[in-house]
């Protein structure tokens, strides 16, 4: 069993010498925008003690900026590049939802069919709920199962073990009535995918999502991240010791919980993922998902509630299927934050404007990802 340290709850809220820009790709971005983005990143990284970060901007359905800032490894002074892998935390949930959407397009599963039809040996503490629970409920955190903090802190080392936990966890609310952020519920949805396809979630995601998006170096879990040649080391900031590396074994719980928070990706990978989200389900002429199912993923399912987070990141906050939705300065935004020890990330897209922002970091500042995303949405992407 491995401990789950505040697993991937969405996060709605470096010294200056360490934030020189690293590798950069610009595509038709207005000349004034790059220095403005640089200044924003430099200011926030300095004030929020973020060692390294990567940024991508999407505008008018095109990638206009990809850039690395600061250090991916404080000890070796290695710079962040556009190829540097970061853990993306709970943004992984949207990849799991996309995989389910592909199966819906193929007629292999239905969002509103009971999952017992796909995993006949599934058990819940409430047998009636076990007969009625659906993929839509799992992907929207409305299954009635409790939120992350009410599950055992120790995570079983296998996906089968996680699914076995459901038999003893009490159902906390009538299905469809309450938002309760449940990472293990996303793992259960991935388990349905595994049963239907006969593949591991990792193998399916690599073949059906990573490959067509060109995410050739994307990976899963801390073991694969640690051995990647261009990877960010995760850090926590200590007022006395400075940037302290997070031991890789603190992320061990992400191996079985990968569908809910274990994907590793670089900023170029995530820029292409953002492009998919602002389009019609195709990228480079390859259709990953129907336009109808992409819209279904983005459609609000349930209000999150003002009492769920201490700091509201936006107005009208809802959860869809693997995504949050919100209103920011008149724009309807589809977004997700990610957070694990040593890492924070955010992706936010405005489909109506074909615009978006992605930020990946190897620090633990929730304020940094939230403030940078909001500022960039307002300044550049509306």
Protein backbone atom coordinates (compact mmCIF):
# COMPACT_ATOMS: atom_id res chain seq x y z
CA UNK A 1 0.00 0.00 0.00
CA UNK A 2 1.17 3.55 -0.68
CA UNK A 3 0.15 6.79 0.99
CA UNK A 4 -1.88 9.28 -0.99
CA UNK A 5 -0.77 12.81 0.03
CA UNK A 6 -3.73 15.02 -0.86
CA UNK A 7 -4.06 13.36 -4.24
CA UNK A 8 -4.68 15.64 -7.18
CA UNK A 9 -7.36 17.82 -5.67
CA UNK A 10 -7.95 20.56 -8.26
CA UNK A 11 -6.10 23.70 -7.34
CA UNK A 12 -8.25 26.77 -7.68
CA UNK A 13 -6.26 29.19 -6.09
CA UNK A 14 12.49 30.81 -7.98
CA UNK A 15 14.55 33.46 -7.53
CA UNK A 16 14.96 35.88 -10.47
CA UNK A 17 18.26 34.38 -11.53
CA UNK A 18 16.45 31.09 -12.21
CA UNK A 19 13.87 32.32 -14.70
CA UNK A 20 15.79 33.06 -17.85
CA UNK A 21 13.73 31.72 -20.77
CA UNK A 22 14.89 28.39 -22.15
CA UNK A 23 13.87 26.90 -25.51
CA UNK A 24 11.14 28.85 -27.26
CA UNK A 25 8.82 28.29 -30.17
CA UNK A 26 6.77 31.20 -31.47
CA UNK A 27 4.27 30.97 -34.30
CA UNK A 28 2.85 34.27 -35.54
CA UNK A 29 2.47 35.61 -32.02
CA UNK A 30 2.38 39.43 -31.92
CA UNK A 31 5.84 40.70 -31.01
CA UNK A 32 4.53 42.62 -27.99
CA UNK A 33 2.93 39.51 -26.50
CA UNK A 34 6.14 37.54 -25.87
CA UNK A 35 7.81 40.12 -23.60
CA UNK A 36 4.51 40.63 -21.77
CA UNK A 37 4.16 36.90 -21.15
CA UNK A 38 7.81 36.74 -20.11
CA UNK A 39 7.35 39.54 -17.59
CA UNK A 40 4.25 37.91 -16.14
CA UNK A 41 5.96 34.54 -15.76
CA UNK A 42 9.13 36.10 -14.29
CA UNK A 43 7.19 38.15 -11.74
CA UNK A 44 4.97 35.31 -10.57
CA UNK A 45 7.71 32.68 -10.55
CA UNK A 46 9.81 34.95 -8.37
CA UNK A 47 7.06 35.89 -5.93
CA UNK A 48 5.65 32.35 -5.70
CA UNK A 49 8.98 30.48 -5.50
CA UNK A 50 8.53 28.38 -8.63
CA UNK A 51 11.85 26.90 -9.90
CA UNK A 52 10.70 26.08 -13.44
CA UNK A 53 7.70 26.35 -15.72
CA UNK A 54 6.56 25.90 -19.29
CA UNK A 55 3.91 27.91 -21.11
CA UNK A 56 1.84 27.40 -24.25
CA UNK A 57 -0.65 29.83 -25.77
CA UNK A 58 -3.30 28.96 -28.35
CA UNK A 59 -4.97 31.71 -30.37
CA UNK A 60 -7.33 31.49 -33.34
CA UNK A 61 -6.90 27.72 -33.38
CA UNK A 62 -3.10 27.88 -33.65
CA UNK A 63 -0.20 27.38 -31.28
CA UNK A 64 1.32 30.85 -31.05
CA UNK A 65 3.77 30.36 -28.21
CA UNK A 66 5.61 27.54 -26.49
CA UNK A 67 8.32 28.44 -24.01
CA UNK A 68 10.27 27.14 -21.06
CA UNK A 69 11.30 29.21 -18.05
CA UNK A 70 13.70 28.56 -15.21
CA UNK A 71 15.16 25.28 -14.00
CA UNK A 72 13.89 21.75 -14.43
CA UNK A 73 16.60 20.59 -12.00
CA UNK A 74 17.92 22.99 -9.38
CA UNK A 75 20.91 20.81 -8.48
CA UNK A 76 22.25 20.51 -12.04
CA UNK A 77 20.96 23.93 -13.21
CA UNK A 78 19.32 22.22 -16.19
CA UNK A 79 16.87 24.55 -17.95
CA UNK A 80 13.24 23.86 -18.74
CA UNK A 81 12.75 23.29 -22.47
CA UNK A 82 9.63 22.75 -24.54
CA UNK A 83 10.46 19.03 -24.38
CA UNK A 84 10.72 18.86 -20.57
CA UNK A 85 8.28 16.37 -19.03
CA UNK A 86 6.18 17.41 -16.02
CA UNK A 87 3.57 15.50 -14.09
CA UNK A 88 0.23 17.08 -15.10
CA UNK A 89 -1.76 15.83 -12.10
CA UNK A 90 -5.55 15.79 -12.35
CA UNK A 91 -5.54 17.03 -15.93
CA UNK A 92 -5.06 13.29 -16.52
CA UNK A 93 -8.76 12.89 -15.70
CA UNK A 94 -9.69 14.61 -18.96
CA UNK A 95 -7.62 12.04 -20.90
CA UNK A 96 -9.55 9.23 -19.22
CA UNK A 97 -12.82 10.95 -20.12
CA UNK A 98 -11.63 11.29 -23.73
CA UNK A 99 -10.88 7.57 -23.88
CA UNK A 100 -14.40 6.78 -22.67
CA UNK A 101 -15.82 9.24 -25.23
CA UNK A 102 -14.01 7.35 -28.00
CA UNK A 103 -15.65 4.11 -26.86
CA UNK A 104 -19.04 5.83 -26.86
CA UNK A 105 -18.42 6.93 -30.46
CA UNK A 106 -17.68 3.30 -31.33
CA UNK A 107 -20.84 2.06 -29.66
CA UNK A 108 -18.87 -0.02 -27.17
CA UNK A 109 -20.11 1.77 -24.05
CA UNK A 110 -22.89 4.23 -23.18
CA UNK A 111 -22.50 7.08 -20.73
CA UNK A 112 -25.84 6.41 -19.06
CA UNK A 113 -25.78 2.62 -18.96
CA UNK A 114 -24.99 1.02 -15.57
CA UNK A 115 -21.33 0.05 -15.37
CA UNK A 116 -22.35 -3.32 -13.93
CA UNK A 117 -23.05 -4.28 -17.53
CA UNK A 118 -19.33 -3.94 -18.31
CA UNK A 119 -17.88 -5.28 -15.03
CA UNK A 120 -20.36 -7.86 -13.79
CA UNK A 121 -18.38 -8.61 -10.63
CA UNK A 122 -18.42 -4.97 -9.46
CA UNK A 123 -19.54 -4.52 -5.86
CA UNK A 124 -20.55 -1.52 -3.77
CA UNK A 125 -21.56 -1.29 -0.14
CA UNK A 126 -25.02 -0.38 -1.47
CA UNK A 127 -26.13 -3.15 -3.90
CA UNK A 128 -28.87 -0.95 -5.38
CA UNK A 129 -26.35 1.78 -6.21
CA UNK A 130 -24.06 -0.84 -7.76
CA UNK A 131 -26.81 -1.74 -10.21
CA UNK A 132 -27.40 1.88 -11.22
CA UNK A 133 -24.01 3.67 -11.27
CA UNK A 134 -23.04 5.05 -14.70
CA UNK A 135 -19.94 6.30 -16.49
CA UNK A 136 -21.45 9.78 -16.69
CA UNK A 137 -21.72 9.86 -12.90
CA UNK A 138 -18.15 8.65 -12.43
CA UNK A 139 -16.69 11.16 -14.90
CA UNK A 140 -18.66 14.07 -13.43
CA UNK A 141 -18.02 13.21 -9.75
CA UNK A 142 -21.74 12.76 -9.15
CA UNK A 143 -21.82 9.03 -8.41
CA UNK A 144 -22.66 9.59 -4.75
CA UNK A 145 -19.34 8.10 -3.68
CA UNK A 146 -17.40 10.24 -1.21
CA UNK A 147 -14.74 12.82 -2.00
CA UNK A 148 -11.03 11.98 -1.93
CA UNK A 149 -10.44 13.04 1.66
CA UNK A 150 -12.99 10.47 2.91
CA UNK A 151 -11.22 7.50 1.34
CA UNK A 152 -8.44 5.56 3.11
CA UNK A 153 -5.13 7.44 2.94
CA UNK A 154 -3.32 4.27 1.92
CA UNK A 155 -3.75 3.38 -1.74
CA UNK A 156 -3.71 -0.25 -2.90
CA UNK A 157 -0.73 -0.94 -5.18
CA UNK A 158 -2.87 -2.26 -8.06
CA UNK A 159 -5.90 -1.05 -9.99
CA UNK A 160 -7.75 -4.24 -9.05
CA UNK A 161 -7.08 -3.40 -5.43
CA UNK A 162 -8.52 0.09 -5.85
CA UNK A 163 -11.68 -1.29 -7.46
CA UNK A 164 -11.96 -3.74 -4.59
CA UNK A 165 -12.14 -0.83 -2.13
CA UNK A 166 -15.52 0.23 -3.53
CA UNK A 167 -17.23 -2.73 -1.84
CA UNK A 168 -16.62 -1.25 1.61
CA UNK A 169 -16.96 2.50 0.96
CA UNK A 170 -20.36 3.93 1.96
CA UNK A 171 -22.33 5.84 -0.67
CA UNK A 172 -22.46 9.40 0.65
CA UNK A 173 -25.22 10.97 -1.47
CA UNK A 174 -27.95 10.00 -3.94
CA UNK A 175 -26.36 9.70 -7.42
CA UNK A 176 -26.58 12.85 -9.50
CA UNK A 177 -27.30 15.19 -6.60
CA UNK A 178 -23.94 16.35 -5.30
CA UNK A 179 -20.45 17.14 -6.63
CA UNK A 180 -17.90 15.12 -4.66
CA UNK A 181 -14.43 15.14 -6.20
CA UNK A 182 -13.49 11.47 -6.32
CA UNK A 183 -10.23 10.47 -8.00
CA UNK A 184 -10.80 6.77 -7.43
CA UNK A 185 -14.08 7.12 -9.35
CA UNK A 186 -12.05 8.12 -12.43
CA UNK A 187 -9.92 5.02 -11.89
CA UNK A 188 -13.14 2.97 -11.89
CA UNK A 189 -14.12 4.53 -15.23
CA UNK A 190 -10.68 3.57 -16.57
CA UNK A 191 -11.23 0.06 -15.24
CA UNK A 192 -14.38 -0.15 -17.36
CA UNK A 193 -12.29 0.90 -20.37
CA UNK A 194 -9.80 -1.84 -19.58
CA UNK A 195 -12.51 -4.51 -19.35
CA UNK A 196 -14.17 -3.40 -22.61
CA UNK A 197 -10.97 -3.05 -24.67
CA UNK A 198 -8.89 -5.85 -23.17
CA UNK A 199 -6.00 -3.38 -22.80
CA UNK A 200 -4.52 -1.56 -19.86
CA UNK A 201 -5.61 2.06 -19.62
CA UNK A 202 -1.99 3.04 -20.24
CA UNK A 203 -1.70 0.99 -23.44
CA UNK A 204 -5.01 2.28 -24.75
CA UNK A 205 -4.19 5.91 -23.96
CA UNK A 206 -0.77 5.64 -25.55
CA UNK A 207 -2.16 4.15 -28.78
CA UNK A 208 -5.46 5.98 -29.15
CA UNK A 209 -4.66 9.43 -27.71
CA UNK A 210 -0.93 10.03 -27.36
CA UNK A 211 0.05 8.62 -30.77
CA UNK A 212 -2.40 10.60 -32.92
CA UNK A 213 -1.58 13.77 -30.96
CA UNK A 214 2.15 13.25 -31.50
CA UNK A 215 2.80 12.90 -27.76
CA UNK A 216 5.78 10.65 -28.38
CA UNK A 217 7.54 11.16 -25.03
CA UNK A 218 4.46 11.32 -22.78
CA UNK A 219 4.42 8.67 -20.07
CA UNK A 220 2.78 7.45 -16.87
CA UNK A 221 3.74 7.57 -13.22
CA UNK A 222 6.84 8.61 -11.28
CA UNK A 223 9.00 5.69 -12.37
CA UNK A 224 8.81 6.66 -16.05
CA UNK A 225 9.16 10.35 -15.23
CA UNK A 226 12.26 9.82 -13.10
CA UNK A 227 14.12 7.97 -15.87
CA UNK A 228 13.26 10.40 -18.69
CA UNK A 229 16.35 12.31 -19.92
CA UNK A 230 14.53 15.68 -20.10
CA UNK A 231 12.27 15.72 -17.08
CA UNK A 232 11.46 18.19 -14.35
CA UNK A 233 12.27 17.32 -10.77
CA UNK A 234 9.48 18.25 -8.40
CA UNK A 235 10.22 20.72 -5.60
CA UNK A 236 8.60 22.12 -2.48
CA UNK A 237 9.76 25.48 -1.20
CA UNK A 238 11.02 25.75 2.36
CA UNK A 239 11.47 29.20 3.91
CA UNK A 240 14.86 28.18 5.33
CA UNK A 241 16.15 25.49 2.99
CA UNK A 242 14.86 26.92 -0.28
CA UNK A 243 13.81 24.52 -3.05
CA UNK A 244 13.76 21.00 -1.60
CA UNK A 245 13.41 18.08 -4.05
CA UNK A 246 10.39 15.85 -3.53
CA UNK A 247 11.47 12.19 -3.31
CA UNK A 248 10.16 10.14 -6.23
CA UNK A 249 8.66 7.59 -3.84
CA UNK A 250 6.26 10.25 -2.54
CA UNK A 251 4.58 9.96 -5.95
CA UNK A 252 4.36 6.16 -5.88
CA UNK A 253 0.57 6.26 -5.39
CA UNK A 254 0.29 7.59 -8.97
CA UNK A 255 1.16 4.21 -10.48
CA UNK A 256 -2.24 2.61 -9.72
CA UNK A 257 -4.04 5.99 -9.75
CA UNK A 258 -2.60 7.11 -13.10
CA UNK A 259 -6.02 7.61 -14.79
CA UNK A 260 -6.78 10.26 -12.20
CA UNK A 261 -3.42 12.01 -11.97
CA UNK A 262 -0.41 10.11 -13.31
CA UNK A 263 0.27 11.40 -16.84
CA UNK A 264 3.60 13.04 -17.60
CA UNK A 265 3.78 15.37 -20.62
CA UNK A 266 5.72 18.30 -22.03
CA UNK A 267 4.37 21.67 -23.08
CA UNK A 268 4.35 20.79 -26.79
CA UNK A 269 2.27 17.69 -26.01
CA UNK A 270 -0.18 19.76 -24.02
CA UNK A 271 -0.38 22.50 -26.63
CA UNK A 272 -1.58 19.92 -29.14
CA UNK A 273 -4.02 18.54 -26.59
CA UNK A 274 -5.39 22.06 -26.11
CA UNK A 275 -5.74 22.42 -29.89
CA UNK A 276 -7.89 19.29 -29.93
CA UNK A 277 -10.14 20.78 -27.26
CA UNK A 278 -10.83 24.01 -29.21
CA UNK A 279 -11.51 22.20 -32.48
CA UNK A 280 -14.03 19.65 -33.74
CA UNK A 281 -12.35 16.52 -32.45
CA UNK A 282 -9.75 16.28 -35.20
CA UNK A 283 -6.07 17.17 -35.30
CA UNK A 284 -3.78 17.05 -38.32
CA UNK A 285 -6.61 15.44 -40.27
CA UNK A 286 -7.00 12.61 -37.75
CA UNK A 287 -10.29 12.33 -35.89
CA UNK A 288 -9.89 11.34 -32.26
CA UNK A 289 -13.48 11.93 -31.16
CA UNK A 290 -16.70 13.13 -32.72
CA UNK A 291 -17.61 16.79 -32.45
CA UNK A 292 -20.76 15.74 -30.61
CA UNK A 293 -18.85 13.79 -27.96
CA UNK A 294 -16.27 16.55 -27.55
CA UNK A 295 -19.12 18.96 -26.84
CA UNK A 296 -20.56 16.41 -24.38
CA UNK A 297 -17.26 16.30 -22.50
CA UNK A 298 -17.33 20.10 -22.17
CA UNK A 299 -21.00 20.43 -21.22
CA UNK A 300 -21.57 21.38 -17.54
CA UNK A 301 -23.11 18.55 -15.52
CA UNK A 302 -23.28 19.87 -11.98
CA UNK A 303 -22.51 23.03 -10.02
CA UNK A 304 -19.40 22.67 -7.90
CA UNK A 305 -20.66 24.88 -5.08
CA UNK A 306 -19.12 27.84 -3.29
CA UNK A 307 -18.22 25.76 -0.27
CA UNK A 308 -16.01 23.35 -2.18
CA UNK A 309 -12.90 25.51 -2.50
CA UNK A 310 -11.59 28.23 -0.21
CA UNK A 311 -10.82 30.51 -3.14
CA UNK A 312 -13.00 30.79 -6.22
CA UNK A 313 -10.98 30.85 -9.43
CA UNK A 314 -13.90 31.88 -11.60
CA UNK A 315 -17.64 32.43 -11.71
CA UNK A 316 -20.30 29.82 -12.39
CA UNK A 317 -17.96 26.92 -11.64
CA UNK A 318 -19.33 23.54 -12.78
CA UNK A 319 -17.94 20.10 -13.52
CA UNK A 320 -18.53 18.48 -16.90
CA UNK A 321 -16.99 15.11 -17.87
CA UNK A 322 -13.32 15.18 -16.90
CA UNK A 323 -13.33 18.99 -17.01
CA UNK A 324 -14.36 22.01 -14.98
CA UNK A 325 -16.24 24.80 -16.73
CA UNK A 326 -16.45 28.44 -15.64
CA UNK A 327 -17.02 32.01 -16.75
CA UNK A 328 -14.08 34.41 -16.78
CA UNK A 329 -14.56 38.01 -17.81
CA UNK A 330 -17.40 37.09 -20.13
CA UNK A 331 -15.71 34.06 -21.65
CA UNK A 332 -16.89 30.47 -21.12
CA UNK A 333 -13.81 28.48 -20.17
CA UNK A 334 -13.19 24.73 -20.02
CA UNK A 335 -10.34 24.02 -17.62
CA UNK A 336 -8.61 21.70 -15.20
CA UNK A 337 -5.90 22.12 -12.61
CA UNK A 338 -3.48 19.42 -11.54
CA UNK A 339 -1.41 19.01 -8.43
CA UNK A 340 0.81 16.35 -6.92
CA UNK A 341 3.81 16.72 -4.58
CA UNK A 342 6.35 18.92 -6.39
CA UNK A 343 4.14 19.72 -9.39
CA UNK A 344 1.30 22.04 -10.41
CA UNK A 345 -0.37 22.45 -13.81
CA UNK A 346 -3.34 24.07 -15.50
CA UNK A 347 -5.02 23.90 -18.90
CA UNK A 348 -7.77 26.37 -19.80
CA UNK A 349 -9.42 26.67 -23.22
CA UNK A 350 -12.05 28.97 -24.67
CA UNK A 351 -13.60 26.85 -27.45
CA UNK A 352 -15.70 29.71 -28.84
CA UNK A 353 -12.54 31.76 -29.42
CA UNK A 354 -10.36 28.76 -30.30
CA UNK A 355 -7.95 29.97 -27.64
CA UNK A 356 -6.20 28.46 -24.67
CA UNK A 357 -3.36 28.48 -22.19
CA UNK A 358 -1.34 25.64 -20.64
CA UNK A 359 1.09 26.06 -17.75
CA UNK A 360 3.25 23.29 -16.26
CA UNK A 361 5.46 23.78 -13.19
CA UNK A 362 7.78 21.86 -10.90
CA UNK A 363 6.82 23.85 -7.81
CA UNK A 364 3.88 23.73 -5.42
CA UNK A 365 2.40 27.21 -5.76
CA UNK A 366 -1.33 27.04 -6.39
CA UNK A 367 -1.41 30.82 -6.68
CA UNK A 368 1.11 30.79 -9.51
CA UNK A 369 -0.87 28.54 -11.84
CA UNK A 370 -4.17 30.22 -11.03
CA UNK A 371 -2.94 33.81 -11.31
CA UNK A 372 -0.90 33.23 -14.47
CA UNK A 373 -3.76 31.42 -16.19
CA UNK A 374 -6.32 34.09 -15.33
CA UNK A 375 -4.05 36.91 -16.44
CA UNK A 376 -3.24 35.25 -19.76
CA UNK A 377 -6.88 34.42 -20.47
CA UNK A 378 -7.83 38.05 -19.89
CA UNK A 379 -4.88 39.66 -21.68
CA UNK A 380 -4.37 37.47 -24.73
CA UNK A 381 -7.03 34.87 -25.31
CA UNK A 382 -10.40 36.56 -25.30
